Protein backbone atom coordinates (compact mmCIF):
# COMPACT_ATOMS: atom_id res chain seq x y z
CA MET A 1 36.00 177.10 176.84
CA LYS A 2 37.59 177.57 173.45
CA ASN A 3 35.93 174.37 172.17
CA HIS A 4 32.52 175.72 173.22
CA ALA A 5 33.13 178.95 171.32
CA VAL A 6 34.09 176.99 168.18
CA LYS A 7 30.94 174.85 168.46
CA ASP A 8 28.77 177.92 169.02
CA GLN A 9 30.28 179.58 165.96
CA SER A 10 29.67 176.41 163.93
CA ILE A 11 26.00 176.39 164.96
CA LEU A 12 25.64 180.07 164.06
CA ASP A 13 27.26 179.48 160.67
CA ARG A 14 24.67 176.78 159.89
CA ALA A 15 21.82 179.12 160.90
CA ARG A 16 23.09 182.09 158.89
CA PRO A 17 21.38 182.62 155.50
CA LEU A 18 23.67 182.10 152.50
CA VAL A 19 22.95 185.39 150.74
CA GLY A 20 24.50 186.84 147.61
CA GLN A 21 24.64 183.57 145.72
CA ASP A 22 24.83 183.44 141.94
CA SER A 23 25.16 180.76 139.27
CA ARG A 24 24.49 180.16 135.60
CA GLU A 25 20.95 179.41 134.45
CA ILE A 26 19.88 175.79 134.82
CA GLN A 27 17.78 176.05 131.63
CA PRO A 28 18.15 178.77 128.99
CA TYR A 29 15.06 180.52 127.69
CA GLY A 30 13.89 178.99 124.41
CA ARG A 31 15.27 175.51 125.14
CA ILE A 32 13.12 172.47 125.95
CA ALA A 33 13.83 170.12 128.86
CA LYS A 34 11.52 167.38 127.62
CA LEU A 35 9.20 165.67 130.09
CA PRO A 36 7.63 162.21 129.50
CA ILE A 37 4.23 163.54 128.38
CA ALA A 38 3.93 161.59 125.10
CA LEU A 39 4.50 164.64 122.88
CA ALA A 40 7.39 165.08 120.46
CA GLU A 41 9.95 167.72 121.42
CA SER A 42 9.19 169.65 118.22
CA VAL A 43 5.50 169.84 119.23
CA CYS A 44 6.43 171.03 122.71
CA LYS A 45 8.76 173.67 121.27
CA GLU A 46 6.11 175.10 118.95
CA SER A 47 3.50 175.21 121.70
CA VAL A 48 5.95 176.82 124.13
CA GLU A 49 6.79 179.56 121.62
CA ASN A 50 3.10 180.23 121.00
CA LEU A 51 2.19 180.17 124.67
CA ASN A 52 5.01 182.53 125.66
CA GLN A 53 3.78 185.06 123.11
CA LEU A 54 0.26 184.71 124.47
CA LEU A 55 1.59 184.89 128.03
CA ALA A 56 3.37 188.18 127.31
CA ASP A 57 0.19 189.63 125.84
CA THR A 58 -1.96 188.36 128.72
CA ILE A 59 0.42 189.84 131.30
CA THR A 60 0.19 193.14 129.44
CA LEU A 61 -3.61 193.04 129.38
CA ARG A 62 -3.73 192.09 133.05
CA ASP A 63 -1.56 195.11 133.92
CA MET A 64 -3.70 197.39 131.73
CA TYR A 65 -6.68 196.42 133.85
CA LYS A 66 -4.87 197.32 137.08
CA LYS A 67 -3.71 200.67 135.63
CA HIS A 68 -7.27 201.55 134.59
CA HIS A 69 -8.64 200.27 137.92
CA TRP A 70 -6.50 202.88 139.69
CA GLN A 71 -6.93 205.71 137.18
CA VAL A 72 -10.59 205.49 136.05
CA ALA A 73 -12.65 208.67 136.54
CA GLY A 74 -16.16 209.96 135.89
CA PRO A 75 -19.80 208.97 136.54
CA THR A 76 -19.10 205.25 135.99
CA PHE A 77 -16.10 205.24 138.35
CA TYR A 78 -17.58 202.83 140.89
CA GLN A 79 -18.84 200.24 138.38
CA LEU A 80 -15.67 200.27 136.25
CA HIS A 81 -13.35 200.39 139.27
CA LEU A 82 -14.87 197.08 140.41
CA LEU A 83 -15.20 195.58 136.91
CA TYR A 84 -11.58 196.33 136.01
CA ASP A 85 -10.39 194.67 139.20
CA LYS A 86 -12.56 191.60 138.57
CA HIS A 87 -11.12 191.26 135.06
CA PHE A 88 -7.61 191.81 136.44
CA LYS A 89 -8.04 188.84 138.77
CA GLU A 90 -9.40 186.63 135.97
CA GLN A 91 -6.49 187.58 133.72
CA SER A 92 -4.09 186.83 136.60
CA ASP A 93 -5.50 183.30 136.74
CA LEU A 94 -4.91 182.95 132.99
CA VAL A 95 -1.32 184.18 133.39
CA ASP A 96 -0.68 181.45 135.95
CA SER A 97 -2.30 178.74 133.80
CA LEU A 98 -0.36 179.77 130.68
CA ALA A 99 2.97 179.94 132.52
CA GLU A 100 2.41 176.54 134.12
CA ARG A 101 1.51 175.01 130.74
CA VAL A 102 4.80 176.31 129.33
CA GLN A 103 6.65 174.62 132.20
CA MET A 104 4.68 171.37 131.73
CA LEU A 105 5.81 171.29 128.11
CA GLY A 106 9.43 171.53 129.25
CA GLY A 107 9.87 175.20 128.41
CA VAL A 108 10.75 178.33 130.36
CA SER A 109 7.90 180.80 130.83
CA ILE A 110 8.47 184.48 130.13
CA ALA A 111 8.16 186.36 133.41
CA MET A 112 9.98 189.66 133.86
CA ALA A 113 8.45 193.01 132.91
CA HIS A 114 11.25 194.06 130.54
CA ASP A 115 11.01 190.76 128.65
CA VAL A 116 7.24 191.06 128.46
CA ALA A 117 7.50 194.64 127.15
CA GLU A 118 9.89 193.51 124.40
CA THR A 119 7.64 190.60 123.39
CA THR A 120 4.03 191.80 123.60
CA LEU A 121 2.06 192.69 120.47
CA ILE A 122 -0.21 195.06 122.43
CA PRO A 123 0.59 198.78 121.97
CA ARG A 124 2.15 200.51 124.96
CA LEU A 125 -0.09 202.81 127.01
CA PRO A 126 0.87 206.33 128.09
CA ARG A 127 1.81 206.78 131.74
CA GLY A 128 -0.95 209.32 132.37
CA ARG A 129 -4.69 208.95 132.84
CA GLN A 130 -7.05 208.53 129.92
CA GLU A 131 -10.78 209.04 129.45
CA VAL A 132 -13.05 206.05 130.03
CA PRO A 133 -13.97 205.53 126.33
CA VAL A 134 -10.26 205.43 125.48
CA GLN A 135 -9.54 202.99 128.31
CA LEU A 136 -12.33 200.72 127.10
CA SER A 137 -11.25 200.94 123.45
CA ARG A 138 -7.65 200.07 124.28
CA LEU A 139 -8.75 197.14 126.42
CA LEU A 140 -11.00 195.86 123.64
CA HIS A 141 -8.14 196.07 121.14
CA ALA A 142 -5.88 194.10 123.51
CA HIS A 143 -8.57 191.45 123.92
CA GLU A 144 -8.92 191.14 120.16
CA VAL A 145 -5.16 190.65 119.76
CA ILE A 146 -5.28 187.84 122.32
CA LEU A 147 -8.39 186.23 120.84
CA PHE A 148 -7.00 186.27 117.31
CA GLU A 149 -3.75 184.62 118.33
CA SER A 150 -5.52 182.18 120.68
CA ARG A 151 -7.76 180.87 117.89
CA THR A 152 -4.76 180.46 115.56
CA MET A 153 -2.70 178.73 118.25
CA ALA A 154 -5.59 176.45 119.24
CA LYS A 155 -5.84 175.19 115.65
CA GLN A 156 -2.09 174.63 115.52
CA ALA A 157 -2.23 172.69 118.79
CA VAL A 158 -5.01 170.43 117.44
CA GLU A 159 -3.06 169.72 114.26
CA ALA A 160 0.04 168.87 116.31
CA GLY A 161 -1.86 166.61 118.74
CA ASP A 162 -1.27 168.90 121.74
CA ASP A 163 -4.72 168.47 123.31
CA GLY A 164 -3.73 169.99 126.65
CA THR A 165 -2.71 173.30 125.07
CA ASN A 166 -5.79 173.32 122.86
CA ASP A 167 -8.06 172.75 125.86
CA LEU A 168 -6.41 175.57 127.83
CA LEU A 169 -6.75 177.98 124.92
CA VAL A 170 -10.36 177.14 124.08
CA SER A 171 -11.83 176.44 127.52
CA ASP A 172 -10.03 179.14 129.49
CA VAL A 173 -8.34 181.83 127.40
CA ILE A 174 -10.89 182.27 124.62
CA ARG A 175 -14.00 181.93 126.78
CA THR A 176 -12.71 184.29 129.48
CA ASN A 177 -11.65 186.93 126.97
CA GLU A 178 -14.92 186.71 125.03
CA MET A 179 -16.90 187.22 128.24
CA GLN A 180 -14.78 190.22 129.22
CA VAL A 181 -15.17 191.74 125.75
CA TRP A 182 -18.95 191.53 126.15
CA PHE A 183 -18.90 193.31 129.52
CA LEU A 184 -16.61 196.09 128.24
CA SER A 185 -18.44 196.59 124.94
CA GLU A 186 -21.77 197.25 126.64
CA HIS A 187 -20.21 200.28 128.35
CA LEU A 188 -19.64 201.86 124.93
CA VAL A 189 -23.28 201.65 123.83
CA GLU A 190 -24.75 205.18 123.80
CA GLU A 191 -28.00 204.73 125.66
CA PRO A 192 -29.94 207.38 127.66
CA LEU A 193 -29.64 207.15 131.44
CA VAL A 194 -32.73 209.07 132.56
CA ARG A 195 -35.04 210.02 129.68
CA ALA A 196 -36.03 207.54 126.95
CA SER A 197 -35.03 208.66 123.47
CA GLY A 198 -38.40 208.02 121.78
CA ARG A 199 -42.09 208.22 122.58
CA VAL A 200 -44.16 205.10 123.15
CA GLY A 201 -47.33 204.78 121.05
């Protein structure tokens, strides 16, 4: 009977989750664990540093979209509520692509909110609600920050022979952000809604 109890306890021990575990990091942030991708470690390191900066800024922009999605008010609520959420999802896809590219290059992607807040170049928003024109203006500024650094980083990647990073920046980051800038900017054009401003003929 005692043997059965010991065996039962042994089975339970194997089924019990091993919670509360801790250990040192397996790879420190800022260090490269080089993969066999035919790029020099120095090239990987430069691209990882650039991409992590861009990743922090893209995470910030993504979260700005969700904040404004929740807090938008006024006559254009419905349209902007949907548009902000669409842009949020597109920025989320970019976040994933940028983070995975960092990992492919042997780096460690920035991830946690406090690290992102310390790293981003985009000005911090207030906690409260803001008017639609202010929301749009702040989003457009954030896009411009990302586009400026993306173009610079894309050129650096070409010069270093990092075609994968260049392709991600040009084909995904720049094109997506340019399209979103267009959609936002048109909401700041002062056009009449009901009565035309001039007479015909």
